[in-house]
All heavy atoms as atom14 arrays in JSON, in Angstrom:
{
  "sequence": "RTIRLALWDGEEQGLFGSYNYVKNHFIDS",
  "atom14_mask": [
    [1, 1, 1, 1, 1, 1, 1, 1, 1, 1, 1, 0, 0, 0],
    [1, 1, 1, 1, 1, 1, 1, 0, 0, 0, 0, 0, 0, 0],
    [1, 1, 1, 1, 1, 1, 1, 1, 0, 0, 0, 0, 0, 0],
    [1, 1, 1, 1, 1, 1, 1, 1, 1, 1, 1, 0, 0, 0],
    [1, 1, 1, 1, 1, 1, 1, 1, 0, 0, 0, 0, 0, 0],
    [1, 1, 1, 1, 1, 0, 0, 0, 0, 0, 0, 0, 0, 0],
    [1, 1, 1, 1, 1, 1, 1, 1, 0, 0, 0, 0, 0, 0],
    [1, 1, 1, 1, 1, 1, 1, 1, 1, 1, 1, 1, 1, 1],
    [1, 1, 1, 1, 1, 1, 1, 1, 0, 0, 0, 0, 0, 0],
    [1, 1, 1, 1, 0, 0, 0, 0, 0, 0, 0, 0, 0, 0],
    [1, 1, 1, 1, 1, 1, 1, 1, 1, 0, 0, 0, 0, 0],
    [1, 1, 1, 1, 1, 1, 1, 1, 1, 0, 0, 0, 0, 0],
    [1, 1, 1, 1, 1, 1, 1, 1, 1, 0, 0, 0, 0, 0],
    [1, 1, 1, 1, 0, 0, 0, 0, 0, 0, 0, 0, 0, 0],
    [1, 1, 1, 1, 1, 1, 1, 1, 0, 0, 0, 0, 0, 0],
    [1, 1, 1, 1, 1, 1, 1, 1, 1, 1, 1, 0, 0, 0],
    [1, 1, 1, 1, 0, 0, 0, 0, 0, 0, 0, 0, 0, 0],
    [1, 1, 1, 1, 1, 1, 0, 0, 0, 0, 0, 0, 0, 0],
    [1, 1, 1, 1, 1, 1, 1, 1, 1, 1, 1, 1, 0, 0],
    [1, 1, 1, 1, 1, 1, 1, 1, 0, 0, 0, 0, 0, 0],
    [1, 1, 1, 1, 1, 1, 1, 1, 1, 1, 1, 1, 0, 0],
    [1, 1, 1, 1, 1, 1, 1, 0, 0, 0, 0, 0, 0, 0],
    [1, 1, 1, 1, 1, 1, 1, 1, 1, 0, 0, 0, 0, 0],
    [1, 1, 1, 1, 1, 1, 1, 1, 0, 0, 0, 0, 0, 0],
    [1, 1, 1, 1, 1, 1, 1, 1, 1, 1, 0, 0, 0, 0],
    [1, 1, 1, 1, 1, 1, 1, 1, 1, 1, 1, 0, 0, 0],
    [1, 1, 1, 1, 1, 1, 1, 1, 0, 0, 0, 0, 0, 0],
    [1, 1, 1, 1, 1, 1, 1, 1, 0, 0, 0, 0, 0, 0],
    [1, 1, 1, 1, 1, 1, 0, 0, 0, 0, 0, 0, 0, 0]
  ],
  "atom14_positions": [
    [[8.94, -21.64, 22.79], [10.13, -20.95, 22.29], [10.47, -19.8, 23.23], [9.61, -19.26, 23.92], [9.88, -20.4, 20.88], [9.68, -21.46, 19.82], [9.38, -20.85, 18.46], [9.24, -21.92, 17.46], [8.12, -22.57, 17.22], [7.02, -22.24, 17.89], [8.08, -23.53, 16.32], [0.0, 0.0, 0.0], [0.0, 0.0, 0.0], [0.0, 0.0, 0.0]],
    [[11.71, -19.38, 23.21], [12.12, -18.21, 23.99], [11.57, -16.94, 23.34], [11.63, -16.79, 22.12], [13.66, -18.14, 24.08], [14.12, -19.27, 24.84], [14.12, -16.86, 24.75], [0.0, 0.0, 0.0], [0.0, 0.0, 0.0], [0.0, 0.0, 0.0], [0.0, 0.0, 0.0], [0.0, 0.0, 0.0], [0.0, 0.0, 0.0], [0.0, 0.0, 0.0]],
    [[11.04, -16.06, 24.16], [10.52, -14.77, 23.68], [11.54, -13.71, 24.03], [11.92, -13.55, 25.2], [9.16, -14.46, 24.33], [8.12, -15.51, 23.93], [8.7, -13.06, 23.92], [6.81, -15.38, 24.67], [0.0, 0.0, 0.0], [0.0, 0.0, 0.0], [0.0, 0.0, 0.0], [0.0, 0.0, 0.0], [0.0, 0.0, 0.0], [0.0, 0.0, 0.0]],
    [[12.0, -12.98, 23.03], [13.03, -11.96, 23.25], [12.5, -10.58, 22.85], [12.07, -10.37, 21.71], [14.29, -12.27, 22.45], [15.41, -11.22, 22.61], [16.66, -11.61, 21.84], [17.26, -12.8, 22.38], [18.25, -13.48, 21.79], [18.72, -13.06, 20.6], [18.74, -14.57, 22.34], [0.0, 0.0, 0.0], [0.0, 0.0, 0.0], [0.0, 0.0, 0.0]],
    [[12.55, -9.67, 23.8], [12.21, -8.27, 23.55], [13.47, -7.51, 23.18], [14.52, -7.68, 23.81], [11.6, -7.65, 24.81], [11.41, -6.13, 24.8], [10.3, -5.73, 23.84], [11.12, -5.61, 26.2], [0.0, 0.0, 0.0], [0.0, 0.0, 0.0], [0.0, 0.0, 0.0], [0.0, 0.0, 0.0], [0.0, 0.0, 0.0], [0.0, 0.0, 0.0]],
    [[13.38, -6.65, 22.17], [14.49, -5.78, 21.81], [13.95, -4.37, 21.58], [13.06, -4.17, 20.75], [15.19, -6.28, 20.55], [0.0, 0.0, 0.0], [0.0, 0.0, 0.0], [0.0, 0.0, 0.0], [0.0, 0.0, 0.0], [0.0, 0.0, 0.0], [0.0, 0.0, 0.0], [0.0, 0.0, 0.0], [0.0, 0.0, 0.0], [0.0, 0.0, 0.0]],
    [[14.45, -3.42, 22.35], [14.12, -2.01, 22.14], [15.33, -1.36, 21.48], [16.43, -1.37, 22.05], [13.78, -1.33, 23.47], [12.63, -1.98, 24.26], [12.31, -1.16, 25.5], [11.39, -2.15, 23.39], [0.0, 0.0, 0.0], [0.0, 0.0, 0.0], [0.0, 0.0, 0.0], [0.0, 0.0, 0.0], [0.0, 0.0, 0.0], [0.0, 0.0, 0.0]],
    [[15.1, -0.81, 20.3], [16.2, -0.45, 19.42], [16.68, 0.98, 19.64], [15.92, 1.88, 19.95], [15.79, -0.62, 17.96], [15.2, -1.95, 17.64], [13.92, -2.23, 17.29], [15.89, -3.21, 17.68], [13.76, -3.58, 17.07], [14.95, -4.21, 17.32], [17.2, -3.59, 17.97], [15.28, -5.55, 17.23], [17.53, -4.93, 17.9], [16.58, -5.89, 17.54]],
    [[17.94, 1.16, 19.37], [18.62, 2.45, 19.42], [18.82, 2.93, 17.97], [18.85, 2.12, 17.04], [19.97, 2.25, 20.11], [20.74, 3.54, 20.33], [20.11, 4.6, 20.36], [21.97, 3.46, 20.48], [0.0, 0.0, 0.0], [0.0, 0.0, 0.0], [0.0, 0.0, 0.0], [0.0, 0.0, 0.0], [0.0, 0.0, 0.0], [0.0, 0.0, 0.0]],
    [[18.94, 4.24, 17.78], [19.37, 4.78, 16.5], [18.43, 4.56, 15.34], [18.85, 4.68, 14.18], [0.0, 0.0, 0.0], [0.0, 0.0, 0.0], [0.0, 0.0, 0.0], [0.0, 0.0, 0.0], [0.0, 0.0, 0.0], [0.0, 0.0, 0.0], [0.0, 0.0, 0.0], [0.0, 0.0, 0.0], [0.0, 0.0, 0.0], [0.0, 0.0, 0.0]],
    [[17.15, 4.29, 15.6], [16.21, 4.11, 14.49], [16.06, 5.39, 13.69], [15.97, 5.36, 12.46], [14.86, 3.65, 15.04], [13.84, 3.24, 13.97], [12.96, 4.4, 13.48], [13.06, 5.52, 14.02], [12.16, 4.18, 12.54], [0.0, 0.0, 0.0], [0.0, 0.0, 0.0], [0.0, 0.0, 0.0], [0.0, 0.0, 0.0], [0.0, 0.0, 0.0]],
    [[16.01, 6.52, 14.4], [15.75, 7.79, 13.73], [16.88, 8.19, 12.78], [16.67, 9.0, 11.88], [15.52, 8.9, 14.76], [14.31, 8.69, 15.65], [12.99, 8.83, 14.91], [13.0, 8.98, 13.67], [11.94, 8.77, 15.56], [0.0, 0.0, 0.0], [0.0, 0.0, 0.0], [0.0, 0.0, 0.0], [0.0, 0.0, 0.0], [0.0, 0.0, 0.0]],
    [[18.07, 7.65, 12.96], [19.18, 7.98, 12.07], [19.31, 6.98, 10.91], [20.19, 7.14, 10.07], [20.5, 8.03, 12.86], [20.62, 9.22, 13.79], [19.76, 9.11, 15.02], [19.85, 8.14, 15.77], [18.9, 10.09, 15.24], [0.0, 0.0, 0.0], [0.0, 0.0, 0.0], [0.0, 0.0, 0.0], [0.0, 0.0, 0.0], [0.0, 0.0, 0.0]],
    [[18.45, 5.95, 10.88], [18.52, 4.99, 9.78], [18.49, 3.54, 10.23], [19.22, 2.71, 9.68], [0.0, 0.0, 0.0], [0.0, 0.0, 0.0], [0.0, 0.0, 0.0], [0.0, 0.0, 0.0], [0.0, 0.0, 0.0], [0.0, 0.0, 0.0], [0.0, 0.0, 0.0], [0.0, 0.0, 0.0], [0.0, 0.0, 0.0], [0.0, 0.0, 0.0]],
    [[17.68, 3.21, 11.22], [17.52, 1.83, 11.73], [18.84, 1.25, 12.22], [19.09, 0.05, 12.09], [16.92, 0.91, 10.65], [15.71, 1.4, 9.86], [15.14, 0.28, 9.0], [14.64, 2.0, 10.73], [0.0, 0.0, 0.0], [0.0, 0.0, 0.0], [0.0, 0.0, 0.0], [0.0, 0.0, 0.0], [0.0, 0.0, 0.0], [0.0, 0.0, 0.0]],
    [[19.68, 2.1, 12.8], [21.02, 1.65, 13.18], [21.0, 0.48, 14.16], [21.75, -0.48, 14.02], [21.81, 2.81, 13.81], [22.25, 3.87, 12.84], [22.89, 5.01, 13.29], [22.06, 3.73, 11.48], [23.31, 6.0, 12.41], [22.46, 4.71, 10.59], [23.1, 5.85, 11.06], [0.0, 0.0, 0.0], [0.0, 0.0, 0.0], [0.0, 0.0, 0.0]],
    [[20.18, 0.58, 15.2], [20.2, -0.45, 16.24], [19.76, -1.8, 15.73], [20.44, -2.82, 15.96], [0.0, 0.0, 0.0], [0.0, 0.0, 0.0], [0.0, 0.0, 0.0], [0.0, 0.0, 0.0], [0.0, 0.0, 0.0], [0.0, 0.0, 0.0], [0.0, 0.0, 0.0], [0.0, 0.0, 0.0], [0.0, 0.0, 0.0], [0.0, 0.0, 0.0]],
    [[18.63, -1.86, 15.04], [18.12, -3.15, 14.57], [18.98, -3.7, 13.42], [19.26, -4.9, 13.37], [16.67, -3.02, 14.12], [16.53, -2.1, 13.06], [0.0, 0.0, 0.0], [0.0, 0.0, 0.0], [0.0, 0.0, 0.0], [0.0, 0.0, 0.0], [0.0, 0.0, 0.0], [0.0, 0.0, 0.0], [0.0, 0.0, 0.0], [0.0, 0.0, 0.0]],
    [[19.41, -2.83, 12.52], [20.22, -3.29, 11.39], [21.54, -3.89, 11.86], [21.95, -4.97, 11.41], [20.45, -2.14, 10.42], [21.4, -2.44, 9.28], [21.21, -3.55, 8.47], [22.5, -1.62, 9.02], [22.08, -3.83, 7.43], [23.36, -1.9, 7.98], [23.15, -3.0, 7.18], [24.0, -3.28, 6.16], [0.0, 0.0, 0.0], [0.0, 0.0, 0.0]],
    [[22.19, -3.21, 12.78], [23.47, -3.74, 13.28], [23.26, -4.96, 14.16], [24.11, -5.87, 14.16], [24.23, -2.64, 14.02], [24.9, -1.66, 13.08], [25.95, -1.94, 12.52], [24.26, -0.51, 12.87], [0.0, 0.0, 0.0], [0.0, 0.0, 0.0], [0.0, 0.0, 0.0], [0.0, 0.0, 0.0], [0.0, 0.0, 0.0], [0.0, 0.0, 0.0]],
    [[22.15, -5.04, 14.87], [21.83, -6.25, 15.63], [21.7, -7.43, 14.67], [22.24, -8.53, 14.92], [20.54, -6.04, 16.41], [20.13, -7.22, 17.26], [20.56, -7.34, 18.58], [19.29, -8.22, 16.76], [20.18, -8.42, 19.36], [18.91, -9.3, 17.53], [19.36, -9.4, 18.83], [18.98, -10.47, 19.61], [0.0, 0.0, 0.0], [0.0, 0.0, 0.0]],
    [[20.98, -7.22, 13.58], [20.8, -8.27, 12.59], [22.14, -8.68, 11.98], [22.42, -9.87, 11.78], [19.79, -7.8, 11.51], [19.89, -8.66, 10.27], [18.38, -7.82, 12.07], [0.0, 0.0, 0.0], [0.0, 0.0, 0.0], [0.0, 0.0, 0.0], [0.0, 0.0, 0.0], [0.0, 0.0, 0.0], [0.0, 0.0, 0.0], [0.0, 0.0, 0.0]],
    [[22.98, -7.69, 11.69], [24.31, -8.02, 11.15], [25.16, -8.77, 12.18], [25.89, -9.7, 11.83], [25.04, -6.75, 10.73], [24.47, -6.09, 9.48], [25.48, -5.14, 8.85], [25.91, -4.04, 9.79], [26.88, -3.11, 9.16], [0.0, 0.0, 0.0], [0.0, 0.0, 0.0], [0.0, 0.0, 0.0], [0.0, 0.0, 0.0], [0.0, 0.0, 0.0]],
    [[25.06, -8.36, 13.43], [25.87, -9.01, 14.47], [25.44, -10.44, 14.74], [26.27, -11.29, 15.08], [25.79, -8.2, 15.78], [26.46, -6.85, 15.68], [27.3, -6.63, 14.81], [26.07, -5.93, 16.54], [0.0, 0.0, 0.0], [0.0, 0.0, 0.0], [0.0, 0.0, 0.0], [0.0, 0.0, 0.0], [0.0, 0.0, 0.0], [0.0, 0.0, 0.0]],
    [[24.16, -10.72, 14.58], [23.63, -12.02, 14.99], [23.23, -12.94, 13.84], [23.3, -14.17, 13.99], [22.4, -11.83, 15.89], [22.7, -11.3, 17.24], [22.99, -12.12, 18.33], [22.77, -10.03, 17.71], [23.21, -11.36, 19.39], [23.09, -10.1, 19.05], [0.0, 0.0, 0.0], [0.0, 0.0, 0.0], [0.0, 0.0, 0.0], [0.0, 0.0, 0.0]],
    [[22.79, -12.37, 12.7], [22.08, -13.21, 11.75], [22.67, -13.29, 10.35], [22.49, -14.3, 9.67], [20.62, -12.74, 11.63], [19.89, -12.67, 12.93], [19.09, -11.58, 13.23], [19.99, -13.69, 13.87], [18.4, -11.5, 14.44], [19.31, -13.64, 15.08], [18.52, -12.53, 15.37], [0.0, 0.0, 0.0], [0.0, 0.0, 0.0], [0.0, 0.0, 0.0]],
    [[23.35, -12.25, 9.86], [23.75, -12.26, 8.45], [24.95, -11.34, 8.24], [25.08, -10.3, 8.89], [22.58, -11.8, 7.56], [22.9, -11.99, 6.08], [22.15, -10.39, 7.87], [21.7, -11.76, 5.15], [0.0, 0.0, 0.0], [0.0, 0.0, 0.0], [0.0, 0.0, 0.0], [0.0, 0.0, 0.0], [0.0, 0.0, 0.0], [0.0, 0.0, 0.0]],
    [[25.84, -11.76, 7.34], [26.96, -10.93, 6.93], [26.48, -10.01, 5.81], [26.01, -10.47, 4.77], [28.12, -11.81, 6.43], [29.37, -11.01, 6.13], [29.31, -10.14, 5.23], [30.4, -11.25, 6.77], [0.0, 0.0, 0.0], [0.0, 0.0, 0.0], [0.0, 0.0, 0.0], [0.0, 0.0, 0.0], [0.0, 0.0, 0.0], [0.0, 0.0, 0.0]],
    [[26.59, -8.69, 6.01], [26.02, -7.74, 5.07], [26.79, -7.66, 3.76], [26.27, -7.15, 2.77], [25.96, -6.34, 5.69], [27.26, -5.88, 6.02], [0.0, 0.0, 0.0], [0.0, 0.0, 0.0], [0.0, 0.0, 0.0], [0.0, 0.0, 0.0], [0.0, 0.0, 0.0], [0.0, 0.0, 0.0], [0.0, 0.0, 0.0], [0.0, 0.0, 0.0]]
  ]
}
């Protein structure tokens, strides 16, 4: 499988980077 690294932005303000990445790629919030 493809291995993908993601270093997130905006975690300290409320998981902004990972949450928006998930919304952009995986699920409609």
